[in-house]
Structure formats: C-alpha cells, structure tokens
Amino acid sequence: MIGLYLSVLGSAEERRLFEDMYFTYRSMMYNTAYRILGNRTLSEDAVHNAFLNLAGNIENISSMDSDRRCSYLAISAKNAALKIYNKNKRENDIGDAEEDIPDISDLETDIENRDNQRRLLEIIMSFDEKYSDVLIMKYYHGMKDREIAFKLGISLENVKIRLVRGKNKLKKKLMEENYYDRSEI
C-alpha cells in the first residue's frame, strides 16, 4: 500500500519523510479513526484517505516539528473518519427518509456542532505551539497530562499551566467572537 502513496511524491526526501510518517503514525491514526467509526474496514479506509490527502500536501507537513506533525496527522485521520461517518449516516438517513422525516433542528444542530468544532480547531491552531500542542494532545487525542509531559519533554506542572493558559486564551477568543457570553463560561 505504501508504494501507492510514494508514487505520488516527487523527491526522494519527500518519499523518506512520508515513509517515516507512515510507519510512525499509522496505528495512532487507525485508533483515532476506529474510535469514531467502530469498524475495522471503515477505519482502514479513513487512514488510507488521510494518507492520500497527506501525500498531496507533503510540502506543508515537512516544515512541521514532530509534535505538530503528530497532531496534524491525528486530525487528518479524524476528519477522514468523520467524512466516512457522515457519508454513511446520510446514506442511512436517505434510506430511512421514506419511513420518517428527520427533524430539521437535529440537522441544524449537527451542522452547527461541526462548524463549531472546526472553528475551535482553527482558533487553537492559531495559538503559540506551546499552548496549541497541549490542548490538541489533551482534548483531541485524549492524552493524559503525564503523557503530554513526556511527549513534549516538559514537567507535569508546566503541562497543567499551559492547559490553563491555553483554555483561558480560548475562552477569551470565543468571547471576542461572541460564541459565548460571560454568564455561560
């Protein structure tokens, strides 16, 4: 399978980088997709789609440090899995449409939630790496504070401080964008 991805890449350096990423992160990406899909075959498809997308964007990834690359790859797998999940859900909903008409407010809520998640990720990715990395590792990867400390090579106390500061920055940004008023936070 990796031969297919490598054939898309131009330089030997891009192929080497992609190969390293493939063998280092594919199981993490699979686990991310499986948590969403709960199906082995669909999860493998999601990882495949994510790697195809990454092969086309290798130049953007090559400049990232390893922690940011790990986060990016996990998010790519998550997005690919969500795309498959949503496609399957739409297909199932179409089949069920004759039996009952879905409530439009549910659809609006789903769209709003996806948009909110996308916007949250954009905001987090705009922060300094020291904040965005810990927030992504904690809330998108579900890593424990000790794991984050080990992965980043910082103290556990420093992880906790960065999480608090990162969440405060996120709250401030969300209030600036009127996502929430002060009474809700």
C-alpha atoms as a PDB file:
ATOM      1  CA  MET A   1       0.000   0.000   0.000  1.00  0.00           C
ATOM      2  CA  ILE A   2       2.794   2.402   0.818  1.00  0.00           C
ATOM      3  CA  GLY A   3       4.056   2.092  -2.773  1.00  0.00           C
ATOM      4  CA  LEU A   4       0.884   3.795  -3.979  1.00  0.00           C
ATOM      5  CA  TYR A   5       1.479   6.780  -1.701  1.00  0.00           C
ATOM      6  CA  LEU A   6       5.162   7.009  -2.567  1.00  0.00           C
ATOM      7  CA  SER A   7       4.407   7.025  -6.290  1.00  0.00           C
ATOM      8  CA  VAL A   8       2.580  10.345  -5.842  1.00  0.00           C
ATOM      9  CA  LEU A   9       5.611  12.020  -4.287  1.00  0.00           C
ATOM     10  CA  GLY A  10       8.293  13.789  -6.272  1.00  0.00           C
ATOM     11  CA  SER A  11      11.621  13.840  -4.437  1.00  0.00           C
ATOM     12  CA  ALA A  12      13.478  11.169  -2.511  1.00  0.00           C
ATOM     13  CA  GLU A  13      13.356  13.399   0.576  1.00  0.00           C
ATOM     14  CA  GLU A  14       9.543  13.616   0.374  1.00  0.00           C
ATOM     15  CA  ARG A  15       9.324   9.833  -0.016  1.00  0.00           C
ATOM     16  CA  ARG A  16      11.602   9.277   3.001  1.00  0.00           C
ATOM     17  CA  LEU A  17       9.595  11.705   5.143  1.00  0.00           C
ATOM     18  CA  PHE A  18       6.307  10.142   4.102  1.00  0.00           C
ATOM     19  CA  GLU A  19       7.585   6.633   4.763  1.00  0.00           C
ATOM     20  CA  ASP A  20       8.733   7.682   8.258  1.00  0.00           C
ATOM     21  CA  MET A  21       5.351   9.254   8.981  1.00  0.00           C
ATOM     22  CA  TYR A  22       3.504   6.209   7.629  1.00  0.00           C
ATOM     23  CA  PHE A  23       5.279   3.710   9.864  1.00  0.00           C
ATOM     24  CA  THR A  24       5.367   6.018  12.895  1.00  0.00           C
ATOM     25  CA  TYR A  25       1.786   7.281  12.906  1.00  0.00           C
ATOM     26  CA  ARG A  26      -0.448   4.822  11.039  1.00  0.00           C
ATOM     27  CA  SER A  27      -1.507   2.882  14.146  1.00  0.00           C
ATOM     28  CA  MET A  28      -2.289   6.105  16.024  1.00  0.00           C
ATOM     29  CA  MET A  29      -4.303   7.299  13.014  1.00  0.00           C
ATOM     30  CA  TYR A  30      -6.115   3.954  12.831  1.00  0.00           C
ATOM     31  CA  ASN A  31      -7.012   4.132  16.527  1.00  0.00           C
ATOM     32  CA  THR A  32      -8.310   7.673  16.062  1.00  0.00           C
ATOM     33  CA  ALA A  33     -10.486   6.590  13.138  1.00  0.00           C
ATOM     34  CA  TYR A  34     -11.677   3.444  14.926  1.00  0.00           C
ATOM     35  CA  ARG A  35     -12.889   5.447  17.938  1.00  0.00           C
ATOM     36  CA  ILE A  36     -15.182   7.340  15.572  1.00  0.00           C
ATOM     37  CA  LEU A  37     -16.257   4.575  13.214  1.00  0.00           C
ATOM     38  CA  GLY A  38     -16.139   1.446  15.378  1.00  0.00           C
ATOM     39  CA  ASN A  39     -15.474  -0.608  12.251  1.00  0.00           C
ATOM     40  CA  ARG A  40     -12.136  -2.058  11.184  1.00  0.00           C
ATOM     41  CA  THR A  41     -12.639  -1.793   7.424  1.00  0.00           C
ATOM     42  CA  LEU A  42     -14.030   1.727   7.520  1.00  0.00           C
ATOM     43  CA  SER A  43     -11.216   2.819   9.837  1.00  0.00           C
ATOM     44  CA  GLU A  44      -8.626   1.434   7.410  1.00  0.00           C
ATOM     45  CA  ASP A  45     -10.376   3.329   4.599  1.00  0.00           C
ATOM     46  CA  ALA A  46     -10.225   6.523   6.647  1.00  0.00           C
ATOM     47  CA  VAL A  47      -6.488   6.112   7.266  1.00  0.00           C
ATOM     48  CA  HIS A  48      -5.952   5.372   3.576  1.00  0.00           C
ATOM     49  CA  ASN A  49      -7.871   8.533   2.602  1.00  0.00           C
ATOM     50  CA  ALA A  50      -5.937  10.586   5.141  1.00  0.00           C
ATOM     51  CA  PHE A  51      -2.598   9.331   3.797  1.00  0.00           C
ATOM     52  CA  LEU A  52      -3.625  10.031   0.206  1.00  0.00           C
ATOM     53  CA  ASN A  53      -4.501  13.569   1.221  1.00  0.00           C
ATOM     54  CA  LEU A  54      -1.214  13.920   3.097  1.00  0.00           C
ATOM     55  CA  ALA A  55       0.783  12.713   0.109  1.00  0.00           C
ATOM     56  CA  GLY A  56      -0.708  15.562  -1.869  1.00  0.00           C
ATOM     57  CA  ASN A  57       0.215  18.070   0.852  1.00  0.00           C
ATOM     58  CA  ILE A  58       3.628  16.773   1.873  1.00  0.00           C
ATOM     59  CA  GLU A  59       5.313  20.146   1.362  1.00  0.00           C
ATOM     60  CA  ASN A  60       3.168  21.698   4.126  1.00  0.00           C
ATOM     61  CA  ILE A  61       3.872  18.876   6.544  1.00  0.00           C
ATOM     62  CA  SER A  62       7.625  18.729   6.004  1.00  0.00           C
ATOM     63  CA  SER A  63       8.158  22.069   7.762  1.00  0.00           C
ATOM     64  CA  MET A  64       6.331  20.996  10.957  1.00  0.00           C
ATOM     65  CA  ASP A  65       8.095  19.738  14.060  1.00  0.00           C
ATOM     66  CA  SER A  66       7.274  16.181  15.119  1.00  0.00           C
ATOM     67  CA  ASP A  67       4.711  17.099  17.791  1.00  0.00           C
ATOM     68  CA  ARG A  68       2.775  19.384  15.472  1.00  0.00           C
ATOM     69  CA  ARG A  69       3.013  16.752  12.715  1.00  0.00           C
ATOM     70  CA  CYS A  70       1.575  14.127  15.077  1.00  0.00           C
ATOM     71  CA  SER A  71      -1.343  16.419  15.895  1.00  0.00           C
ATOM     72  CA  TYR A  72      -1.885  17.222  12.234  1.00  0.00           C
ATOM     73  CA  LEU A  73      -1.928  13.556  11.270  1.00  0.00           C
ATOM     74  CA  ALA A  74      -4.357  12.670  14.053  1.00  0.00           C
ATOM     75  CA  ILE A  75      -6.665  15.474  12.973  1.00  0.00           C
ATOM     76  CA  SER A  76      -6.405  14.312   9.352  1.00  0.00           C
ATOM     77  CA  ALA A  77      -7.414  10.795  10.381  1.00  0.00           C
ATOM     78  CA  LYS A  78     -10.245  12.181  12.496  1.00  0.00           C
ATOM     79  CA  ASN A  79     -11.518  14.313   9.618  1.00  0.00           C
ATOM     80  CA  ALA A  80     -11.322  11.395   7.167  1.00  0.00           C
ATOM     81  CA  ALA A  81     -13.226   9.188   9.628  1.00  0.00           C
ATOM     82  CA  LEU A  82     -15.862  11.858  10.182  1.00  0.00           C
ATOM     83  CA  LYS A  83     -16.287  12.214   6.444  1.00  0.00           C
ATOM     84  CA  ILE A  84     -16.947   8.468   6.119  1.00  0.00           C
ATOM     85  CA  TYR A  85     -19.213   8.519   9.179  1.00  0.00           C
ATOM     86  CA  ASN A  86     -21.243  11.420   7.802  1.00  0.00           C
ATOM     87  CA  LYS A  87     -21.475   9.816   4.354  1.00  0.00           C
ATOM     88  CA  ASN A  88     -22.749   6.570   5.860  1.00  0.00           C
ATOM     89  CA  LYS A  89     -25.140   8.460   8.081  1.00  0.00           C
ATOM     90  CA  ARG A  90     -26.508  10.386   5.087  1.00  0.00           C
ATOM     91  CA  GLU A  91     -26.954   7.151   3.121  1.00  0.00           C
ATOM     92  CA  ASN A  92     -28.768   5.555   6.042  1.00  0.00           C
ATOM     93  CA  ASP A  93     -30.866   8.665   6.542  1.00  0.00           C
ATOM     94  CA  ILE A  94     -31.884   8.633   2.876  1.00  0.00           C
ATOM     95  CA  GLY A  95     -32.982   5.010   3.205  1.00  0.00           C
ATOM     96  CA  ASP A  96     -34.986   5.879   6.324  1.00  0.00           C
ATOM     97  CA  ALA A  97     -36.456   9.050   4.815  1.00  0.00           C
ATOM     98  CA  GLU A  98     -39.491   7.232   3.482  1.00  0.00           C
ATOM     99  CA  GLU A  99     -40.292   5.888   6.932  1.00  0.00           C
ATOM    100  CA  ASP A 100     -39.961   9.110   8.883  1.00  0.00           C
ATOM    101  CA  ILE A 101     -38.912  12.660   8.220  1.00  0.00           C
ATOM    102  CA  PRO A 102     -35.947  13.772  10.332  1.00  0.00           C
ATOM    103  CA  ASP A 103     -36.341  16.830  12.499  1.00  0.00           C
ATOM    104  CA  ILE A 104     -34.666  19.767  10.750  1.00  0.00           C
ATOM    105  CA  SER A 105     -33.444  21.120  14.089  1.00  0.00           C
ATOM    106  CA  ASP A 106     -31.306  17.967  14.516  1.00  0.00           C
ATOM    107  CA  LEU A 107     -29.654  18.613  11.168  1.00  0.00           C
ATOM    108  CA  GLU A 108     -29.064  22.255  12.035  1.00  0.00           C
ATOM    109  CA  THR A 109     -27.574  21.223  15.372  1.00  0.00           C
ATOM    110  CA  ASP A 110     -25.246  18.694  13.682  1.00  0.00           C
ATOM    111  CA  ILE A 111     -24.050  21.290  11.182  1.00  0.00           C
ATOM    112  CA  GLU A 112     -23.601  23.897  13.883  1.00  0.00           C
ATOM    113  CA  ASN A 113     -21.627  21.442  16.041  1.00  0.00           C
ATOM    114  CA  ARG A 114     -19.330  20.537  13.133  1.00  0.00           C
ATOM    115  CA  ASP A 115     -18.788  24.208  12.329  1.00  0.00           C
ATOM    116  CA  ASN A 116     -18.070  24.949  15.979  1.00  0.00           C
ATOM    117  CA  GLN A 117     -15.555  22.101  16.200  1.00  0.00           C
ATOM    118  CA  ARG A 118     -13.853  23.274  13.021  1.00  0.00           C
ATOM    119  CA  ARG A 119     -13.693  26.862  14.331  1.00  0.00           C
ATOM    120  CA  LEU A 120     -12.360  25.731  17.719  1.00  0.00           C
ATOM    121  CA  LEU A 121      -9.583  23.819  15.999  1.00  0.00           C
ATOM    122  CA  GLU A 122      -8.736  26.841  13.826  1.00  0.00           C
ATOM    123  CA  ILE A 123      -8.523  29.051  16.897  1.00  0.00           C
ATOM    124  CA  ILE A 124      -6.390  26.539  18.805  1.00  0.00           C
ATOM    125  CA  MET A 125      -4.041  26.112  15.833  1.00  0.00           C
ATOM    126  CA  SER A 126      -3.566  29.914  15.739  1.00  0.00           C
ATOM    127  CA  PHE A 127      -2.111  29.899  19.274  1.00  0.00           C
ATOM    128  CA  ASP A 128       1.591  29.577  20.057  1.00  0.00           C
ATOM    129  CA  GLU A 129       2.682  25.965  19.705  1.00  0.00           C
ATOM    130  CA  LYS A 130       3.256  25.596  23.443  1.00  0.00           C
ATOM    131  CA  TYR A 131      -0.476  26.122  24.007  1.00  0.00           C
ATOM    132  CA  SER A 132      -1.939  24.550  20.881  1.00  0.00           C
ATOM    133  CA  ASP A 133       0.092  21.369  21.249  1.00  0.00           C
ATOM    134  CA  VAL A 134      -1.038  20.643  24.804  1.00  0.00           C
ATOM    135  CA  LEU A 135      -4.682  21.499  24.033  1.00  0.00           C
ATOM    136  CA  ILE A 136      -4.735  19.238  20.977  1.00  0.00           C
ATOM    137  CA  MET A 137      -2.951  16.396  22.736  1.00  0.00           C
ATOM    138  CA  LYS A 138      -5.315  16.637  25.715  1.00  0.00           C
ATOM    139  CA  TYR A 139      -8.673  17.221  24.064  1.00  0.00           C
ATOM    140  CA  TYR A 140      -8.316  15.801  20.538  1.00  0.00           C
ATOM    141  CA  HIS A 141      -6.010  12.864  21.291  1.00  0.00           C
ATOM    142  CA  GLY A 142      -7.287  12.191  24.813  1.00  0.00           C
ATOM    143  CA  MET A 143      -3.775  12.008  26.225  1.00  0.00           C
ATOM    144  CA  LYS A 144      -3.167  12.170  29.978  1.00  0.00           C
ATOM    145  CA  ASP A 145      -1.175  15.079  31.395  1.00  0.00           C
ATOM    146  CA  ARG A 146       1.775  12.797  32.188  1.00  0.00           C
ATOM    147  CA  GLU A 147       1.836  11.502  28.600  1.00  0.00           C
ATOM    148  CA  ILE A 148       1.855  15.059  27.293  1.00  0.00           C
ATOM    149  CA  ALA A 149       4.703  15.990  29.645  1.00  0.00           C
ATOM    150  CA  PHE A 150       6.732  13.002  28.478  1.00  0.00           C
ATOM    151  CA  LYS A 151       5.986  13.603  24.792  1.00  0.00           C
ATOM    152  CA  LEU A 152       6.914  17.289  24.961  1.00  0.00           C
ATOM    153  CA  GLY A 153       9.807  16.830  27.372  1.00  0.00           C
ATOM    154  CA  ILE A 154       8.391  19.271  29.938  1.00  0.00           C
ATOM    155  CA  SER A 155       7.308  18.958  33.554  1.00  0.00           C
ATOM    156  CA  LEU A 156       3.825  17.861  34.560  1.00  0.00           C
ATOM    157  CA  GLU A 157       3.330  21.216  36.276  1.00  0.00           C
ATOM    158  CA  ASN A 158       4.250  23.013  33.053  1.00  0.00           C
ATOM    159  CA  VAL A 159       1.643  20.962  31.157  1.00  0.00           C
ATOM    160  CA  LYS A 160      -1.027  21.960  33.682  1.00  0.00           C
ATOM    161  CA  ILE A 161      -0.045  25.632  33.450  1.00  0.00           C
ATOM    162  CA  ARG A 162      -0.125  25.551  29.644  1.00  0.00           C
ATOM    163  CA  LEU A 163      -3.537  23.862  29.684  1.00  0.00           C
ATOM    164  CA  VAL A 164      -4.977  26.528  31.987  1.00  0.00           C
ATOM    165  CA  ARG A 165      -3.455  29.359  29.958  1.00  0.00           C
ATOM    166  CA  GLY A 166      -4.497  27.778  26.666  1.00  0.00           C
ATOM    167  CA  LYS A 167      -8.080  27.315  27.862  1.00  0.00           C
ATOM    168  CA  ASN A 168      -8.132  30.918  29.087  1.00  0.00           C
ATOM    169  CA  LYS A 169      -6.904  32.123  25.694  1.00  0.00           C
ATOM    170  CA  LEU A 170      -9.593  30.030  24.022  1.00  0.00           C
ATOM    171  CA  LYS A 171     -12.329  31.421  26.294  1.00  0.00           C
ATOM    172  CA  LYS A 172     -11.145  34.971  25.627  1.00  0.00           C
ATOM    173  CA  LYS A 173     -11.125  34.409  21.869  1.00  0.00           C
ATOM    174  CA  LEU A 174     -14.571  32.797  21.940  1.00  0.00           C
ATOM    175  CA  MET A 175     -15.971  35.727  23.915  1.00  0.00           C
ATOM    176  CA  GLU A 176     -14.390  38.166  21.422  1.00  0.00           C
ATOM    177  CA  GLU A 177     -16.145  36.305  18.609  1.00  0.00           C
ATOM    178  CA  ASN A 178     -19.400  36.277  20.599  1.00  0.00           C
ATOM    179  CA  TYR A 179     -19.617  32.490  20.660  1.00  0.00           C
ATOM    180  CA  TYR A 180     -20.488  32.685  24.343  1.00  0.00           C
ATOM    181  CA  ASP A 181     -21.420  35.391  26.739  1.00  0.00           C
ATOM    182  CA  ARG A 182     -19.636  35.594  30.096  1.00  0.00           C
ATOM    183  CA  SER A 183     -22.505  34.008  32.015  1.00  0.00           C
ATOM    184  CA  GLU A 184     -22.198  30.731  30.057  1.00  0.00           C
ATOM    185  CA  ILE A 185     -18.487  30.220  30.667  1.00  0.00           C
END
